Amino acid sequence: MESHGIVVVMPPASDPSAASVDAFSTRAARPLVVLTAARADDIYRHRFTAAHELGHLVLHADATGDSRQEKEADAFAAEFLTPQDSILPFLPGRMDLARLAELRGVWGVSLHSLVYRCRELGLISDATASRTYQRLRALDGQPGFTAESVSNFPGERPSLLRQAFELAAKEAGLSVSQLAHELAWTSGRVQDLLGVQEQRPVLRLVQ
């Protein structure tokens, strides 16, 4: 997403916005996506949420957040992460959680998402999908069925804003405090959102 010009931001858990929304996207000045991993610190949900917001940016110039648009964004995310033609040959013809657990590691999506994909593509019935979801809830927290923290996957964390700030700091001498003043934010909040620390002079004792 960042390599195609979309600004992605992940507020820290201490940010008030992280407690009130899962994600948000807008086309305002340029495409912007806000992800709040603190709401669900699970790499698989994190990826699906990012793809869901990408779906809104691609499909909905006049995003209203209604149920139809949400379903369309979900369908986009599923096809984006697990394209039908690519994943269909690997999905089991009958429910097999061990097989789906292997696919989770390869495709980087949740077991729930893979079960949904199996049902969506007609490999299992609605009743089988419902029973499988119940089983997954019972297995939650057990080895192989636990959430994996986004912090364990550094490549999945935004870096575009930090890189832009570092370039501005190098080329124009921009500091965190100057940027915070322009935004009318605290320096701490700017540091959290950028993932940088203000550079301070190194003090040396002179004898």
C-alpha atoms as a PDB file:
ATOM      1  CA  MET A   1       0.000   0.000   0.000  1.00  0.00           C
ATOM      2  CA  GLU A   2       2.772   2.428   0.925  1.00  0.00           C
ATOM      3  CA  SER A   3       4.754   1.614  -2.217  1.00  0.00           C
ATOM      4  CA  HIS A   4       1.734   2.797  -4.209  1.00  0.00           C
ATOM      5  CA  GLY A   5       1.475   6.137  -2.429  1.00  0.00           C
ATOM      6  CA  ILE A   6      -1.042   5.348   0.302  1.00  0.00           C
ATOM      7  CA  VAL A   7      -0.105   6.859   3.652  1.00  0.00           C
ATOM      8  CA  VAL A   8      -0.659   4.279   6.400  1.00  0.00           C
ATOM      9  CA  VAL A   9      -0.637   5.215  10.079  1.00  0.00           C
ATOM     10  CA  MET A  10      -0.790   2.989  13.169  1.00  0.00           C
ATOM     11  CA  PRO A  11      -1.526   5.016  16.318  1.00  0.00           C
ATOM     12  CA  PRO A  12       0.026   3.555  19.477  1.00  0.00           C
ATOM     13  CA  ALA A  13      -2.214   1.975  22.095  1.00  0.00           C
ATOM     14  CA  SER A  14      -1.933   5.133  24.200  1.00  0.00           C
ATOM     15  CA  ASP A  15      -3.540   7.264  21.485  1.00  0.00           C
ATOM     16  CA  PRO A  16      -7.250   7.968  22.259  1.00  0.00           C
ATOM     17  CA  SER A  17      -8.256   7.221  18.659  1.00  0.00           C
ATOM     18  CA  ALA A  18      -6.979   3.641  18.980  1.00  0.00           C
ATOM     19  CA  ALA A  19      -9.668   2.851  21.518  1.00  0.00           C
ATOM     20  CA  SER A  20     -12.622   4.007  19.434  1.00  0.00           C
ATOM     21  CA  VAL A  21     -12.126   2.695  15.900  1.00  0.00           C
ATOM     22  CA  ASP A  22     -10.686  -0.408  14.202  1.00  0.00           C
ATOM     23  CA  ALA A  23      -9.625   1.346  11.024  1.00  0.00           C
ATOM     24  CA  PHE A  24     -10.389   4.319   8.830  1.00  0.00           C
ATOM     25  CA  SER A  25      -9.590   5.405   5.287  1.00  0.00           C
ATOM     26  CA  THR A  26     -10.059   8.627   3.351  1.00  0.00           C
ATOM     27  CA  ARG A  27      -9.160  10.180   0.003  1.00  0.00           C
ATOM     28  CA  ALA A  28      -8.870  13.717   1.442  1.00  0.00           C
ATOM     29  CA  ALA A  29      -5.572  15.282   0.295  1.00  0.00           C
ATOM     30  CA  ARG A  30      -4.154  11.870  -0.637  1.00  0.00           C
ATOM     31  CA  PRO A  31      -5.154   8.271   0.180  1.00  0.00           C
ATOM     32  CA  LEU A  32      -4.792   7.693   3.916  1.00  0.00           C
ATOM     33  CA  VAL A  33      -5.435   4.572   5.992  1.00  0.00           C
ATOM     34  CA  VAL A  34      -5.386   4.498   9.776  1.00  0.00           C
ATOM     35  CA  LEU A  35      -4.978   1.036  11.337  1.00  0.00           C
ATOM     36  CA  THR A  36      -5.250   0.371  15.059  1.00  0.00           C
ATOM     37  CA  ALA A  37      -3.552  -2.931  15.789  1.00  0.00           C
ATOM     38  CA  ALA A  38      -4.089  -2.322  19.504  1.00  0.00           C
ATOM     39  CA  ARG A  39      -7.798  -3.112  19.036  1.00  0.00           C
ATOM     40  CA  ALA A  40      -6.922  -6.624  17.882  1.00  0.00           C
ATOM     41  CA  ASP A  41      -3.215  -7.409  18.074  1.00  0.00           C
ATOM     42  CA  ASP A  42      -3.388 -10.210  15.528  1.00  0.00           C
ATOM     43  CA  ILE A  43      -1.355 -10.106  12.320  1.00  0.00           C
ATOM     44  CA  TYR A  44      -4.044 -11.959  10.370  1.00  0.00           C
ATOM     45  CA  ARG A  45      -6.827  -9.580  11.341  1.00  0.00           C
ATOM     46  CA  HIS A  46      -4.428  -6.679  10.791  1.00  0.00           C
ATOM     47  CA  ARG A  47      -3.758  -7.748   7.196  1.00  0.00           C
ATOM     48  CA  PHE A  48      -7.430  -8.295   6.423  1.00  0.00           C
ATOM     49  CA  THR A  49      -8.336  -4.897   7.891  1.00  0.00           C
ATOM     50  CA  ALA A  50      -5.661  -3.222   5.758  1.00  0.00           C
ATOM     51  CA  ALA A  51      -6.961  -4.982   2.636  1.00  0.00           C
ATOM     52  CA  HIS A  52     -10.537  -4.048   3.599  1.00  0.00           C
ATOM     53  CA  GLU A  53      -9.615  -0.354   3.790  1.00  0.00           C
ATOM     54  CA  LEU A  54      -7.746  -0.652   0.489  1.00  0.00           C
ATOM     55  CA  GLY A  55     -11.002  -1.992  -0.943  1.00  0.00           C
ATOM     56  CA  HIS A  56     -12.827   1.137   0.164  1.00  0.00           C
ATOM     57  CA  LEU A  57     -10.207   3.348  -1.491  1.00  0.00           C
ATOM     58  CA  VAL A  58     -10.384   1.384  -4.745  1.00  0.00           C
ATOM     59  CA  LEU A  59     -14.139   0.834  -4.918  1.00  0.00           C
ATOM     60  CA  HIS A  60     -15.854   3.679  -3.095  1.00  0.00           C
ATOM     61  CA  ALA A  61     -15.169   7.239  -4.142  1.00  0.00           C
ATOM     62  CA  ASP A  62     -18.193   8.269  -2.059  1.00  0.00           C
ATOM     63  CA  ALA A  63     -17.664   5.994   0.957  1.00  0.00           C
ATOM     64  CA  THR A  64     -20.662   6.043   3.282  1.00  0.00           C
ATOM     65  CA  GLY A  65     -19.892   3.007   5.426  1.00  0.00           C
ATOM     66  CA  ASP A  66     -23.219   1.317   4.690  1.00  0.00           C
ATOM     67  CA  SER A  67     -23.603  -2.471   4.855  1.00  0.00           C
ATOM     68  CA  ARG A  68     -23.341  -2.902   1.075  1.00  0.00           C
ATOM     69  CA  GLN A  69     -20.018  -1.097   0.908  1.00  0.00           C
ATOM     70  CA  GLU A  70     -18.701  -3.015   3.917  1.00  0.00           C
ATOM     71  CA  LYS A  71     -19.565  -6.332   2.236  1.00  0.00           C
ATOM     72  CA  GLU A  72     -17.911  -5.193  -0.979  1.00  0.00           C
ATOM     73  CA  ALA A  73     -14.757  -4.188   0.910  1.00  0.00           C
ATOM     74  CA  ASP A  74     -14.723  -7.594   2.643  1.00  0.00           C
ATOM     75  CA  ALA A  75     -15.099  -9.374  -0.710  1.00  0.00           C
ATOM     76  CA  PHE A  76     -12.259  -7.278  -2.137  1.00  0.00           C
ATOM     77  CA  ALA A  77     -10.013  -8.110   0.840  1.00  0.00           C
ATOM     78  CA  ALA A  78     -10.720 -11.843   0.521  1.00  0.00           C
ATOM     79  CA  GLU A  79      -9.953 -11.883  -3.204  1.00  0.00           C
ATOM     80  CA  PHE A  80      -6.909  -9.624  -2.749  1.00  0.00           C
ATOM     81  CA  LEU A  81      -5.331 -11.832  -0.068  1.00  0.00           C
ATOM     82  CA  THR A  82      -6.531 -15.217  -1.345  1.00  0.00           C
ATOM     83  CA  PRO A  83      -7.310 -14.954  -5.080  1.00  0.00           C
ATOM     84  CA  GLN A  84      -9.817 -17.622  -6.066  1.00  0.00           C
ATOM     85  CA  ASP A  85      -7.869 -19.014  -9.028  1.00  0.00           C
ATOM     86  CA  SER A  86      -4.659 -19.206  -6.989  1.00  0.00           C
ATOM     87  CA  ILE A  87      -5.890 -20.668  -3.716  1.00  0.00           C
ATOM     88  CA  LEU A  88      -8.686 -22.983  -4.907  1.00  0.00           C
ATOM     89  CA  PRO A  89      -6.345 -25.866  -5.844  1.00  0.00           C
ATOM     90  CA  PHE A  90      -4.917 -25.839  -2.309  1.00  0.00           C
ATOM     91  CA  LEU A  91      -8.156 -25.725  -0.306  1.00  0.00           C
ATOM     92  CA  PRO A  92      -9.354 -29.085   1.084  1.00  0.00           C
ATOM     93  CA  GLY A  93     -12.495 -30.607  -0.386  1.00  0.00           C
ATOM     94  CA  ARG A  94     -13.717 -31.371   3.144  1.00  0.00           C
ATOM     95  CA  MET A  95     -13.089 -29.521   6.367  1.00  0.00           C
ATOM     96  CA  ASP A  96      -9.549 -30.184   7.584  1.00  0.00           C
ATOM     97  CA  LEU A  97      -8.276 -27.753  10.223  1.00  0.00           C
ATOM     98  CA  ALA A  98      -4.750 -29.180  10.112  1.00  0.00           C
ATOM     99  CA  ARG A  99      -4.585 -28.441   6.393  1.00  0.00           C
ATOM    100  CA  LEU A 100      -6.020 -24.953   6.886  1.00  0.00           C
ATOM    101  CA  ALA A 101      -3.459 -24.284   9.629  1.00  0.00           C
ATOM    102  CA  GLU A 102      -0.712 -25.067   7.094  1.00  0.00           C
ATOM    103  CA  LEU A 103      -2.315 -22.730   4.557  1.00  0.00           C
ATOM    104  CA  ARG A 104      -2.573 -19.986   7.178  1.00  0.00           C
ATOM    105  CA  GLY A 105       1.214 -19.934   7.434  1.00  0.00           C
ATOM    106  CA  VAL A 106       1.640 -19.851   3.655  1.00  0.00           C
ATOM    107  CA  TRP A 107      -1.046 -17.309   2.751  1.00  0.00           C
ATOM    108  CA  GLY A 108      -0.867 -15.175   5.892  1.00  0.00           C
ATOM    109  CA  VAL A 109      -4.603 -15.119   6.575  1.00  0.00           C
ATOM    110  CA  SER A 110      -6.654 -16.334   9.523  1.00  0.00           C
ATOM    111  CA  LEU A 111      -8.274 -19.733   9.834  1.00  0.00           C
ATOM    112  CA  HIS A 112     -11.670 -17.998  10.003  1.00  0.00           C
ATOM    113  CA  SER A 113     -10.916 -16.333   6.684  1.00  0.00           C
ATOM    114  CA  LEU A 114      -9.934 -19.643   5.093  1.00  0.00           C
ATOM    115  CA  VAL A 115     -13.095 -21.334   6.375  1.00  0.00           C
ATOM    116  CA  TYR A 116     -15.143 -18.471   4.964  1.00  0.00           C
ATOM    117  CA  ARG A 117     -13.317 -18.843   1.635  1.00  0.00           C
ATOM    118  CA  CYS A 118     -14.100 -22.577   1.561  1.00  0.00           C
ATOM    119  CA  ARG A 119     -17.785 -21.855   2.122  1.00  0.00           C
ATOM    120  CA  GLU A 120     -17.790 -18.964  -0.352  1.00  0.00           C
ATOM    121  CA  LEU A 121     -16.261 -21.145  -3.071  1.00  0.00           C
ATOM    122  CA  GLY A 122     -18.754 -23.961  -2.462  1.00  0.00           C
ATOM    123  CA  LEU A 123     -16.323 -26.475  -0.950  1.00  0.00           C
ATOM    124  CA  ILE A 124     -18.284 -26.800   2.303  1.00  0.00           C
ATOM    125  CA  SER A 125     -21.863 -26.134   3.343  1.00  0.00           C
ATOM    126  CA  ASP A 126     -23.117 -23.333   5.570  1.00  0.00           C
ATOM    127  CA  ALA A 127     -23.771 -25.898   8.311  1.00  0.00           C
ATOM    128  CA  THR A 128     -20.194 -27.220   8.113  1.00  0.00           C
ATOM    129  CA  ALA A 129     -18.819 -23.681   8.225  1.00  0.00           C
ATOM    130  CA  SER A 130     -20.952 -22.898  11.295  1.00  0.00           C
ATOM    131  CA  ARG A 131     -19.726 -26.020  13.125  1.00  0.00           C
ATOM    132  CA  THR A 132     -16.134 -25.185  12.221  1.00  0.00           C
ATOM    133  CA  TYR A 133     -16.444 -21.640  13.584  1.00  0.00           C
ATOM    134  CA  GLN A 134     -17.749 -23.110  16.855  1.00  0.00           C
ATOM    135  CA  ARG A 135     -14.807 -25.487  16.995  1.00  0.00           C
ATOM    136  CA  LEU A 136     -12.353 -22.651  16.345  1.00  0.00           C
ATOM    137  CA  ARG A 137     -13.838 -20.680  19.246  1.00  0.00           C
ATOM    138  CA  ALA A 138     -13.289 -23.702  21.493  1.00  0.00           C
ATOM    139  CA  LEU A 139      -9.691 -24.054  20.293  1.00  0.00           C
ATOM    140  CA  ASP A 140      -8.872 -20.362  20.697  1.00  0.00           C
ATOM    141  CA  GLY A 141      -5.695 -19.885  22.719  1.00  0.00           C
ATOM    142  CA  GLN A 142      -4.395 -23.400  22.215  1.00  0.00           C
ATOM    143  CA  PRO A 143      -1.074 -24.027  20.394  1.00  0.00           C
ATOM    144  CA  GLY A 144      -1.528 -23.306  16.720  1.00  0.00           C
ATOM    145  CA  PHE A 145      -4.720 -21.377  17.352  1.00  0.00           C
ATOM    146  CA  THR A 146      -3.432 -18.280  19.132  1.00  0.00           C
ATOM    147  CA  ALA A 147      -3.215 -14.745  17.801  1.00  0.00           C
ATOM    148  CA  GLU A 148       0.196 -13.622  16.530  1.00  0.00           C
ATOM    149  CA  SER A 149       1.215 -10.088  17.518  1.00  0.00           C
ATOM    150  CA  VAL A 150       1.739  -7.530  14.773  1.00  0.00           C
ATOM    151  CA  SER A 151       4.932  -6.476  16.586  1.00  0.00           C
ATOM    152  CA  ASN A 152       6.508  -9.805  15.574  1.00  0.00           C
ATOM    153  CA  PHE A 153       6.216  -8.800  11.911  1.00  0.00           C
ATOM    154  CA  PRO A 154       8.165  -5.545  11.496  1.00  0.00           C
ATOM    155  CA  GLY A 155       7.616  -5.525   7.745  1.00  0.00           C
ATOM    156  CA  GLU A 156       3.873  -5.174   8.330  1.00  0.00           C
ATOM    157  CA  ARG A 157       4.230  -1.883  10.187  1.00  0.00           C
ATOM    158  CA  PRO A 158       4.011   1.449   8.313  1.00  0.00           C
ATOM    159  CA  SER A 159       7.279   3.253   7.592  1.00  0.00           C
ATOM    160  CA  LEU A 160       6.439   5.861   4.917  1.00  0.00           C
ATOM    161  CA  LEU A 161       5.745   8.748   7.323  1.00  0.00           C
ATOM    162  CA  ARG A 162       8.890   8.007   9.322  1.00  0.00           C
ATOM    163  CA  GLN A 163      10.983   7.928   6.154  1.00  0.00           C
ATOM    164  CA  ALA A 164       9.436  11.208   4.973  1.00  0.00           C
ATOM    165  CA  PHE A 165      10.213  12.853   8.295  1.00  0.00           C
ATOM    166  CA  GLU A 166      13.781  11.545   8.305  1.00  0.00           C
ATOM    167  CA  LEU A 167      14.282  12.956   4.810  1.00  0.00           C
ATOM    168  CA  ALA A 168      12.849  16.345   5.873  1.00  0.00           C
ATOM    169  CA  ALA A 169      15.049  16.321   8.961  1.00  0.00           C
ATOM    170  CA  LYS A 170      18.138  15.597   6.878  1.00  0.00           C
ATOM    171  CA  GLU A 171      17.419  17.993   4.004  1.00  0.00           C
ATOM    172  CA  ALA A 172      15.629  20.846   5.800  1.00  0.00           C
ATOM    173  CA  GLY A 173      16.550  20.394   9.445  1.00  0.00           C
ATOM    174  CA  LEU A 174      12.954  19.687  10.486  1.00  0.00           C
ATOM    175  CA  SER A 175      12.647  18.621  14.122  1.00  0.00           C
ATOM    176  CA  VAL A 176       9.911  16.776  15.983  1.00  0.00           C
ATOM    177  CA  SER A 177       9.196  19.870  18.068  1.00  0.00           C
ATOM    178  CA  GLN A 178       8.820  22.043  14.963  1.00  0.00           C
ATOM    179  CA  LEU A 179       6.440  19.562  13.356  1.00  0.00           C
ATOM    180  CA  ALA A 180       4.484  19.250  16.600  1.00  0.00           C
ATOM    181  CA  HIS A 181       4.127  23.052  16.714  1.00  0.00           C
ATOM    182  CA  GLU A 182       2.806  23.131  13.141  1.00  0.00           C
ATOM    183  CA  LEU A 183       0.256  20.412  13.925  1.00  0.00           C
ATOM    184  CA  ALA A 184      -0.632  21.804  17.372  1.00  0.00           C
ATOM    185  CA  TRP A 185       0.149  18.377  18.833  1.00  0.00           C
ATOM    186  CA  THR A 186       2.470  17.321  21.620  1.00  0.00           C
ATOM    187  CA  SER A 187       5.954  16.195  20.645  1.00  0.00           C
ATOM    188  CA  GLY A 188       5.241  12.848  22.272  1.00  0.00           C
ATOM    189  CA  ARG A 189       2.258  12.184  20.024  1.00  0.00           C
ATOM    190  CA  VAL A 190       4.215  13.099  16.903  1.00  0.00           C
ATOM    191  CA  GLN A 191       7.038  10.774  17.957  1.00  0.00           C
ATOM    192  CA  ASP A 192       4.571   7.940  18.560  1.00  0.00           C
ATOM    193  CA  LEU A 193       2.885   8.318  15.166  1.00  0.00           C
ATOM    194  CA  LEU A 194       6.161   8.644  13.276  1.00  0.00           C
ATOM    195  CA  GLY A 195       7.964   5.978  15.262  1.00  0.00           C
ATOM    196  CA  VAL A 196      10.965   8.250  15.767  1.00  0.00           C
ATOM    197  CA  GLN A 197      12.758   9.835  18.672  1.00  0.00           C
ATOM    198  CA  GLU A 198      13.773  13.477  18.753  1.00  0.00           C
ATOM    199  CA  GLN A 199      17.512  13.844  18.312  1.00  0.00           C
ATOM    200  CA  ARG A 200      19.058  15.631  21.275  1.00  0.00           C
ATOM    201  CA  PRO A 201      22.595  17.033  21.580  1.00  0.00           C
ATOM    202  CA  VAL A 202      25.050  14.655  23.182  1.00  0.00           C
ATOM    203  CA  LEU A 203      26.326  16.177  26.441  1.00  0.00           C
ATOM    204  CA  ARG A 204      29.934  15.583  27.355  1.00  0.00           C
ATOM    205  CA  LEU A 205      31.553  16.285  30.671  1.00  0.00           C
ATOM    206  CA  VAL A 206      34.603  18.506  30.392  1.00  0.00           C
ATOM    207  CA  GLN A 207      37.184  18.180  33.162  1.00  0.00           C
END
